[in-house]
C-alpha atoms as a PDB file:
ATOM      1  CA  UNK A   1      21.117  26.734   3.639  1.00  0.00           C
ATOM      2  CA  UNK A   2      19.790  30.300   4.073  1.00  0.00           C
ATOM      3  CA  UNK A   3      19.567  32.488   0.819  1.00  0.00           C
ATOM      4  CA  UNK A   4      19.303  36.210   1.403  1.00  0.00           C
ATOM      5  CA  UNK A   5      18.012  38.853  -1.096  1.00  0.00           C
ATOM      6  CA  UNK A   6      18.222  36.499  -4.172  1.00  0.00           C
ATOM      7  CA  UNK A   7      17.235  38.133  -7.499  1.00  0.00           C
ATOM      8  CA  UNK A   8      14.319  35.965  -8.823  1.00  0.00           C
ATOM      9  CA  UNK A   9      11.539  35.905 -11.150  1.00  0.00           C
ATOM     10  CA  UNK A  10       8.332  33.831 -10.662  1.00  0.00           C
ATOM     11  CA  UNK A  11       7.744  31.626 -13.637  1.00  0.00           C
ATOM     12  CA  UNK A  12       4.704  29.621 -12.577  1.00  0.00           C
ATOM     13  CA  UNK A  13       2.627  29.021  -9.300  1.00  0.00           C
ATOM     14  CA  UNK A  14       0.165  26.234  -8.510  1.00  0.00           C
ATOM     15  CA  UNK A  15      -1.861  25.402  -5.317  1.00  0.00           C
ATOM     16  CA  UNK A  16       0.044  23.579  -2.676  1.00  0.00           C
ATOM     17  CA  UNK A  17      -1.795  21.878   0.257  1.00  0.00           C
ATOM     18  CA  UNK A  18      -4.521  24.024   1.861  1.00  0.00           C
ATOM     19  CA  UNK A  19      -3.197  27.607   2.080  1.00  0.00           C
ATOM     20  CA  UNK A  20       0.218  27.457   0.237  1.00  0.00           C
ATOM     21  CA  UNK A  21       1.619  27.661  -3.317  1.00  0.00           C
ATOM     22  CA  UNK A  22       4.341  26.025  -5.052  1.00  0.00           C
ATOM     23  CA  UNK A  23       6.188  28.598  -6.951  1.00  0.00           C
ATOM     24  CA  UNK A  24       8.636  27.855  -9.819  1.00  0.00           C
ATOM     25  CA  UNK A  25      11.177  30.608  -9.738  1.00  0.00           C
ATOM     26  CA  UNK A  26      14.114  31.517 -11.880  1.00  0.00           C
ATOM     27  CA  UNK A  27      16.942  32.837  -9.459  1.00  0.00           C
ATOM     28  CA  UNK A  28      20.088  34.421 -10.526  1.00  0.00           C
ATOM     29  CA  UNK A  29      22.595  32.429  -8.497  1.00  0.00           C
ATOM     30  CA  UNK A  30      20.679  29.254  -7.841  1.00  0.00           C
ATOM     31  CA  UNK A  31      19.088  28.576 -11.062  1.00  0.00           C
ATOM     32  CA  UNK A  32      15.338  27.340 -11.292  1.00  0.00           C
ATOM     33  CA  UNK A  33      13.963  26.571  -7.806  1.00  0.00           C
ATOM     34  CA  UNK A  34      10.753  24.945  -6.518  1.00  0.00           C
ATOM     35  CA  UNK A  35       9.749  27.381  -3.735  1.00  0.00           C
ATOM     36  CA  UNK A  36       7.032  26.462  -1.069  1.00  0.00           C
ATOM     37  CA  UNK A  37       5.163  29.806  -0.076  1.00  0.00           C
ATOM     38  CA  UNK A  38       3.078  29.062   2.983  1.00  0.00           C
ATOM     39  CA  UNK A  39      -0.074  30.697   3.980  1.00  0.00           C
ATOM     40  CA  UNK A  40      -0.342  32.928   0.875  1.00  0.00           C
ATOM     41  CA  UNK A  41      -3.738  31.693  -0.359  1.00  0.00           C
ATOM     42  CA  UNK A  42      -7.059  32.948   0.821  1.00  0.00           C
ATOM     43  CA  UNK A  43      -8.569  36.525   1.365  1.00  0.00           C
ATOM     44  CA  UNK A  44      -6.278  37.499   4.181  1.00  0.00           C
ATOM     45  CA  UNK A  45      -3.209  36.811   2.113  1.00  0.00           C
ATOM     46  CA  UNK A  46      -4.086  38.482  -1.066  1.00  0.00           C
ATOM     47  CA  UNK A  47      -1.323  40.957  -0.827  1.00  0.00           C
ATOM     48  CA  UNK A  48       1.369  38.441  -0.289  1.00  0.00           C
ATOM     49  CA  UNK A  49       0.079  36.386  -3.151  1.00  0.00           C
ATOM     50  CA  UNK A  50       0.214  39.440  -5.414  1.00  0.00           C
ATOM     51  CA  UNK A  51       3.834  39.832  -4.713  1.00  0.00           C
ATOM     52  CA  UNK A  52       4.359  36.391  -6.469  1.00  0.00           C
ATOM     53  CA  UNK A  53       2.864  37.205  -9.940  1.00  0.00           C
ATOM     54  CA  UNK A  54       4.962  36.122 -12.980  1.00  0.00           C
ATOM     55  CA  UNK A  55       7.340  38.597 -14.516  1.00  0.00           C
ATOM     56  CA  UNK A  56       7.752  40.702 -11.456  1.00  0.00           C
ATOM     57  CA  UNK A  57      11.381  41.313 -10.439  1.00  0.00           C
ATOM     58  CA  UNK A  58      11.793  40.205  -6.765  1.00  0.00           C
ATOM     59  CA  UNK A  59      14.400  39.665  -4.046  1.00  0.00           C
ATOM     60  CA  UNK A  60      13.670  36.538  -2.072  1.00  0.00           C
ATOM     61  CA  UNK A  61      14.859  35.067   1.333  1.00  0.00           C
ATOM     62  CA  UNK A  62      14.701  31.439   1.082  1.00  0.00           C
ATOM     63  CA  UNK A  63      15.633  28.321   3.106  1.00  0.00           C
ATOM     64  CA  UNK A  64      16.847  25.805   0.854  1.00  0.00           C
ATOM     65  CA  UNK A  65      17.171  22.062   1.861  1.00  0.00           C
ATOM     66  CA  UNK A  66      16.622  19.080  -0.439  1.00  0.00           C
ATOM     67  CA  UNK A  67      14.575  19.439  -3.526  1.00  0.00           C
ATOM     68  CA  UNK A  68      12.346  22.459  -2.541  1.00  0.00           C
ATOM     69  CA  UNK A  69      13.201  25.847  -0.807  1.00  0.00           C
ATOM     70  CA  UNK A  70      10.825  27.618   1.543  1.00  0.00           C
ATOM     71  CA  UNK A  71       9.986  31.202   1.286  1.00  0.00           C
ATOM     72  CA  UNK A  72      10.888  33.359   4.205  1.00  0.00           C
ATOM     73  CA  UNK A  73      10.322  36.857   2.585  1.00  0.00           C
ATOM     74  CA  UNK A  74      10.017  38.572  -0.441  1.00  0.00           C
ATOM     75  CA  UNK A  75      10.750  42.064  -1.642  1.00  0.00           C
ATOM     76  CA  UNK A  76       9.284  43.734  -4.853  1.00  0.00           C
ATOM     77  CA  UNK A  77      12.009  45.679  -6.722  1.00  0.00           C
ATOM     78  CA  UNK A  78       9.612  47.932  -8.546  1.00  0.00           C
ATOM     79  CA  UNK A  79       6.130  47.596  -9.823  1.00  0.00           C
ATOM     80  CA  UNK A  80       6.709  47.096 -13.588  1.00  0.00           C
ATOM     81  CA  UNK A  81       4.079  47.649 -16.230  1.00  0.00           C
ATOM     82  CA  UNK A  82       1.965  44.419 -17.006  1.00  0.00           C
ATOM     83  CA  UNK A  83       2.617  42.505 -20.205  1.00  0.00           C
ATOM     84  CA  UNK A  84      -0.344  42.592 -22.451  1.00  0.00           C
ATOM     85  CA  UNK A  85      -1.543  41.088 -25.689  1.00  0.00           C
ATOM     86  CA  UNK A  86       1.135  39.448 -27.903  1.00  0.00           C
ATOM     87  CA  UNK A  87       3.797  40.431 -25.216  1.00  0.00           C
ATOM     88  CA  UNK A  88       2.002  38.587 -22.583  1.00  0.00           C
ATOM     89  CA  UNK A  89       1.675  35.404 -24.665  1.00  0.00           C
ATOM     90  CA  UNK A  90       5.519  35.777 -25.492  1.00  0.00           C
ATOM     91  CA  UNK A  91       6.176  36.106 -21.750  1.00  0.00           C
ATOM     92  CA  UNK A  92       4.197  32.949 -21.007  1.00  0.00           C
ATOM     93  CA  UNK A  93       6.045  31.118 -23.755  1.00  0.00           C
ATOM     94  CA  UNK A  94       9.348  32.259 -22.148  1.00  0.00           C
ATOM     95  CA  UNK A  95       8.350  30.857 -18.793  1.00  0.00           C
ATOM     96  CA  UNK A  96       7.242  27.480 -20.147  1.00  0.00           C
ATOM     97  CA  UNK A  97      10.503  27.182 -22.093  1.00  0.00           C
ATOM     98  CA  UNK A  98      12.562  27.686 -18.994  1.00  0.00           C
ATOM     99  CA  UNK A  99      10.563  25.343 -16.850  1.00  0.00           C
ATOM    100  CA  UNK A 100      10.939  22.770 -19.548  1.00  0.00           C
ATOM    101  CA  UNK A 101      14.681  23.120 -20.346  1.00  0.00           C
ATOM    102  CA  UNK A 102      16.282  24.334 -17.211  1.00  0.00           C
ATOM    103  CA  UNK A 103      17.094  21.778 -14.465  1.00  0.00           C
ATOM    104  CA  UNK A 104      16.239  22.703 -10.888  1.00  0.00           C
ATOM    105  CA  UNK A 105      19.246  24.019  -8.776  1.00  0.00           C
ATOM    106  CA  UNK A 106      21.488  24.399 -11.938  1.00  0.00           C
ATOM    107  CA  UNK A 107      22.826  27.965 -11.779  1.00  0.00           C
ATOM    108  CA  UNK A 108      23.078  29.899 -14.851  1.00  0.00           C
ATOM    109  CA  UNK A 109      23.441  33.679 -14.110  1.00  0.00           C
ATOM    110  CA  UNK A 110      23.679  34.747 -17.538  1.00  0.00           C
ATOM    111  CA  UNK A 111      20.181  33.068 -18.369  1.00  0.00           C
ATOM    112  CA  UNK A 112      18.555  35.154 -15.593  1.00  0.00           C
ATOM    113  CA  UNK A 113      20.068  38.312 -16.990  1.00  0.00           C
ATOM    114  CA  UNK A 114      18.961  37.458 -20.569  1.00  0.00           C
ATOM    115  CA  UNK A 115      15.367  36.756 -19.276  1.00  0.00           C
ATOM    116  CA  UNK A 116      15.385  40.235 -17.376  1.00  0.00           C
ATOM    117  CA  UNK A 117      16.481  41.954 -20.610  1.00  0.00           C
ATOM    118  CA  UNK A 118      13.887  40.109 -22.818  1.00  0.00           C
ATOM    119  CA  UNK A 119      10.993  41.136 -20.410  1.00  0.00           C
ATOM    120  CA  UNK A 120      12.275  44.819 -20.789  1.00  0.00           C
ATOM    121  CA  UNK A 121      12.240  44.549 -24.457  1.00  0.00           C
ATOM    122  CA  UNK A 122       8.706  43.045 -24.489  1.00  0.00           C
ATOM    123  CA  UNK A 123       7.519  45.874 -22.199  1.00  0.00           C
ATOM    124  CA  UNK A 124       9.152  48.389 -24.533  1.00  0.00           C
ATOM    125  CA  UNK A 125       7.103  47.273 -27.476  1.00  0.00           C
ATOM    126  CA  UNK A 126       9.858  45.295 -29.375  1.00  0.00           C
ATOM    127  CA  UNK A 127       8.582  42.795 -32.004  1.00  0.00           C
ATOM    128  CA  UNK A 128       7.686  39.607 -29.967  1.00  0.00           C
ATOM    129  CA  UNK A 129       8.984  37.270 -32.825  1.00  0.00           C
ATOM    130  CA  UNK A 130      12.379  38.579 -33.128  1.00  0.00           C
ATOM    131  CA  UNK A 131      12.606  39.159 -29.312  1.00  0.00           C
ATOM    132  CA  UNK A 132      11.879  35.487 -28.737  1.00  0.00           C
ATOM    133  CA  UNK A 133      14.452  34.302 -31.358  1.00  0.00           C
ATOM    134  CA  UNK A 134      17.072  36.200 -29.549  1.00  0.00           C
ATOM    135  CA  UNK A 135      16.180  34.768 -26.235  1.00  0.00           C
ATOM    136  CA  UNK A 136      15.932  31.130 -27.586  1.00  0.00           C
ATOM    137  CA  UNK A 137      19.434  31.544 -29.009  1.00  0.00           C
ATOM    138  CA  UNK A 138      20.937  33.103 -25.751  1.00  0.00           C
ATOM    139  CA  UNK A 139      19.100  30.400 -23.696  1.00  0.00           C
ATOM    140  CA  UNK A 140      20.715  27.508 -25.708  1.00  0.00           C
ATOM    141  CA  UNK A 141      24.132  29.094 -25.363  1.00  0.00           C
ATOM    142  CA  UNK A 142      23.732  29.640 -21.585  1.00  0.00           C
ATOM    143  CA  UNK A 143      22.715  25.918 -21.168  1.00  0.00           C
ATOM    144  CA  UNK A 144      25.709  24.850 -23.122  1.00  0.00           C
ATOM    145  CA  UNK A 145      23.850  23.998 -26.301  1.00  0.00           C
ATOM    146  CA  UNK A 146      25.360  27.072 -28.427  1.00  0.00           C
ATOM    147  CA  UNK A 147      24.281  27.021 -32.029  1.00  0.00           C
ATOM    148  CA  UNK A 148      26.803  26.944 -34.876  1.00  0.00           C
ATOM    149  CA  UNK A 149      25.781  29.933 -37.094  1.00  0.00           C
ATOM    150  CA  UNK A 150      28.823  31.192 -38.690  1.00  0.00           C
ATOM    151  CA  UNK A 151      30.344  27.952 -40.135  1.00  0.00           C
ATOM    152  CA  UNK A 152      29.049  25.047 -42.127  1.00  0.00           C
ATOM    153  CA  UNK A 153      28.722  21.666 -40.363  1.00  0.00           C
ATOM    154  CA  UNK A 154      30.455  19.516 -43.003  1.00  0.00           C
ATOM    155  CA  UNK A 155      33.740  21.415 -43.891  1.00  0.00           C
ATOM    156  CA  UNK A 156      33.750  24.323 -41.400  1.00  0.00           C
ATOM    157  CA  UNK A 157      33.708  26.859 -44.145  1.00  0.00           C
ATOM    158  CA  UNK A 158      32.171  30.147 -43.474  1.00  0.00           C
ATOM    159  CA  UNK A 159      28.292  30.308 -43.927  1.00  0.00           C
ATOM    160  CA  UNK A 160      27.469  32.333 -47.123  1.00  0.00           C
ATOM    161  CA  UNK A 161      24.508  34.780 -47.258  1.00  0.00           C
ATOM    162  CA  UNK A 162      23.176  33.624 -50.597  1.00  0.00           C
ATOM    163  CA  UNK A 163      23.555  29.823 -49.997  1.00  0.00           C
ATOM    164  CA  UNK A 164      20.590  27.794 -48.508  1.00  0.00           C
ATOM    165  CA  UNK A 165      21.000  25.526 -45.525  1.00  0.00           C
ATOM    166  CA  UNK A 166      19.187  23.056 -43.431  1.00  0.00           C
ATOM    167  CA  UNK A 167      20.138  23.299 -39.756  1.00  0.00           C
ATOM    168  CA  UNK A 168      20.679  19.955 -37.893  1.00  0.00           C
ATOM    169  CA  UNK A 169      20.676  20.502 -34.259  1.00  0.00           C
ATOM    170  CA  UNK A 170      23.446  18.088 -33.382  1.00  0.00           C
ATOM    171  CA  UNK A 171      25.743  19.041 -36.241  1.00  0.00           C
ATOM    172  CA  UNK A 172      24.803  22.654 -37.521  1.00  0.00           C
ATOM    173  CA  UNK A 173      24.137  24.076 -40.901  1.00  0.00           C
ATOM    174  CA  UNK A 174      24.430  21.927 -44.046  1.00  0.00           C
ATOM    175  CA  UNK A 175      23.966  23.036 -47.557  1.00  0.00           C
ATOM    176  CA  UNK A 176      20.621  22.115 -49.169  1.00  0.00           C
ATOM    177  CA  UNK A 177      18.111  22.879 -51.957  1.00  0.00           C
ATOM    178  CA  UNK A 178      16.028  26.012 -51.280  1.00  0.00           C
ATOM    179  CA  UNK A 179      12.819  23.792 -51.338  1.00  0.00           C
ATOM    180  CA  UNK A 180      14.106  21.624 -48.575  1.00  0.00           C
ATOM    181  CA  UNK A 181      11.748  21.514 -45.519  1.00  0.00           C
ATOM    182  CA  UNK A 182      12.913  24.034 -42.886  1.00  0.00           C
ATOM    183  CA  UNK A 183      15.501  25.609 -45.051  1.00  0.00           C
ATOM    184  CA  UNK A 184      17.018  28.877 -44.072  1.00  0.00           C
ATOM    185  CA  UNK A 185      19.357  31.188 -45.988  1.00  0.00           C
ATOM    186  CA  UNK A 186      22.778  31.907 -44.937  1.00  0.00           C
ATOM    187  CA  UNK A 187      21.682  35.547 -44.490  1.00  0.00           C
ATOM    188  CA  UNK A 188      19.054  34.182 -41.868  1.00  0.00           C
ATOM    189  CA  UNK A 189      21.792  32.413 -39.940  1.00  0.00           C
ATOM    190  CA  UNK A 190      24.160  35.431 -40.060  1.00  0.00           C
ATOM    191  CA  UNK A 191      21.452  37.875 -38.928  1.00  0.00           C
ATOM    192  CA  UNK A 192      20.770  35.611 -35.817  1.00  0.00           C
ATOM    193  CA  UNK A 193      24.477  35.137 -35.103  1.00  0.00           C
ATOM    194  CA  UNK A 194      25.152  39.007 -35.309  1.00  0.00           C
ATOM    195  CA  UNK A 195      21.900  40.153 -33.700  1.00  0.00           C
ATOM    196  CA  UNK A 196      20.449  41.823 -36.651  1.00  0.00           C
ATOM    197  CA  UNK A 197      16.722  41.426 -37.312  1.00  0.00           C
ATOM    198  CA  UNK A 198      16.038  39.804 -40.699  1.00  0.00           C
ATOM    199  CA  UNK A 199      13.101  40.603 -43.008  1.00  0.00           C
ATOM    200  CA  UNK A 200       9.716  39.010 -42.470  1.00  0.00           C
ATOM    201  CA  UNK A 201      10.354  36.019 -44.616  1.00  0.00           C
ATOM    202  CA  UNK A 202      13.711  35.532 -42.702  1.00  0.00           C
ATOM    203  CA  UNK A 203      12.000  35.590 -39.433  1.00  0.00           C
ATOM    204  CA  UNK A 204       9.466  32.971 -40.410  1.00  0.00           C
ATOM    205  CA  UNK A 205      12.227  30.701 -41.593  1.00  0.00           C
ATOM    206  CA  UNK A 206      14.214  31.267 -38.363  1.00  0.00           C
ATOM    207  CA  UNK A 207      11.044  30.575 -36.355  1.00  0.00           C
ATOM    208  CA  UNK A 208      10.560  27.094 -37.983  1.00  0.00           C
ATOM    209  CA  UNK A 209      14.262  26.310 -37.596  1.00  0.00           C
ATOM    210  CA  UNK A 210      14.344  27.286 -33.963  1.00  0.00           C
ATOM    211  CA  UNK A 211      11.293  24.993 -33.251  1.00  0.00           C
ATOM    212  CA  UNK A 212      13.031  22.064 -34.875  1.00  0.00           C
ATOM    213  CA  UNK A 213      16.145  22.879 -32.643  1.00  0.00           C
ATOM    214  CA  UNK A 214      14.129  23.281 -29.471  1.00  0.00           C
ATOM    215  CA  UNK A 215      12.199  20.191 -30.186  1.00  0.00           C
ATOM    216  CA  UNK A 216      15.445  18.314 -30.211  1.00  0.00           C
ATOM    217  CA  UNK A 217      16.563  19.528 -26.931  1.00  0.00           C
ATOM    218  CA  UNK A 218      13.116  18.797 -25.515  1.00  0.00           C
ATOM    219  CA  UNK A 219      13.465  15.117 -26.332  1.00  0.00           C
ATOM    220  CA  UNK A 220      11.093  15.356 -29.419  1.00  0.00           C
ATOM    221  CA  UNK A 221       8.152  16.901 -27.419  1.00  0.00           C
ATOM    222  CA  UNK A 222       6.429  20.187 -28.135  1.00  0.00           C
ATOM    223  CA  UNK A 223       5.630  23.081 -25.998  1.00  0.00           C
ATOM    224  CA  UNK A 224       1.792  23.923 -25.237  1.00  0.00           C
ATOM    225  CA  UNK A 225       2.680  27.656 -26.012  1.00  0.00           C
ATOM    226  CA  UNK A 226       3.339  26.749 -29.622  1.00  0.00           C
ATOM    227  CA  UNK A 227      -0.343  26.006 -30.100  1.00  0.00           C
ATOM    228  CA  UNK A 228      -1.257  29.372 -28.721  1.00  0.00           C
ATOM    229  CA  UNK A 229       1.474  31.289 -30.696  1.00  0.00           C
ATOM    230  CA  UNK A 230       0.415  29.683 -34.071  1.00  0.00           C
ATOM    231  CA  UNK A 231       0.419  32.744 -36.400  1.00  0.00           C
ATOM    232  CA  UNK A 232      -2.424  33.751 -38.491  1.00  0.00           C
ATOM    233  CA  UNK A 233      -1.965  35.044 -42.132  1.00  0.00           C
ATOM    234  CA  UNK A 234      -1.304  38.637 -40.872  1.00  0.00           C
ATOM    235  CA  UNK A 235       0.998  37.771 -37.887  1.00  0.00           C
ATOM    236  CA  UNK A 236       3.429  35.297 -39.608  1.00  0.00           C
ATOM    237  CA  UNK A 237       6.838  35.466 -38.159  1.00  0.00           C
ATOM    238  CA  UNK A 238       5.649  37.799 -35.144  1.00  0.00           C
ATOM    239  CA  UNK A 239       5.622  35.053 -32.463  1.00  0.00           C
END
């Protein structure tokens, strides 16, 4: 199957055979694809390989047959500013999360759009921590794992801002003692549901809660990026 001018982002590359790369891409209409880019390694192919850097918005011409696609051509939409510092670490986290959670050739156009918007926020200098929480929420929704944030799990009553909850990934929020591990306030849950950035304490609680939720969907395993993004005393809640 020939695919023309498919909007895509590169998530990860690794050497493949002598002169090629195996490129993990997030495409808009075909989901995550493994793409073989032939002849792009070596000094003579430096320019071609530069087009396949992560975070760059591309249009790809592909030939898809079986598990892997073959790259027939690539067009760079525009040269975007590079992610740096904490924004770069956040971007690498996004890419690992997509590779781990998104099955190949499973189309989710909204996830591609959320990813593009998240990169724009990181380039604009938005706080990485809150930016990642928004993407995690939207990614889970796009994959069919939407979180229950407005109603309690047990009785379906509305979440209350001043009540404390423990979020169970396969059920939703359940009332608990404030000292319960990974407890979040109802205000935290409502902030995430309505896209309103909570205070620093709320962001820290949401960060811990989201890691528990994502770990559940990852089959109990962790992401390598979580070790890199471990906050220090002055950066709590910012990753």
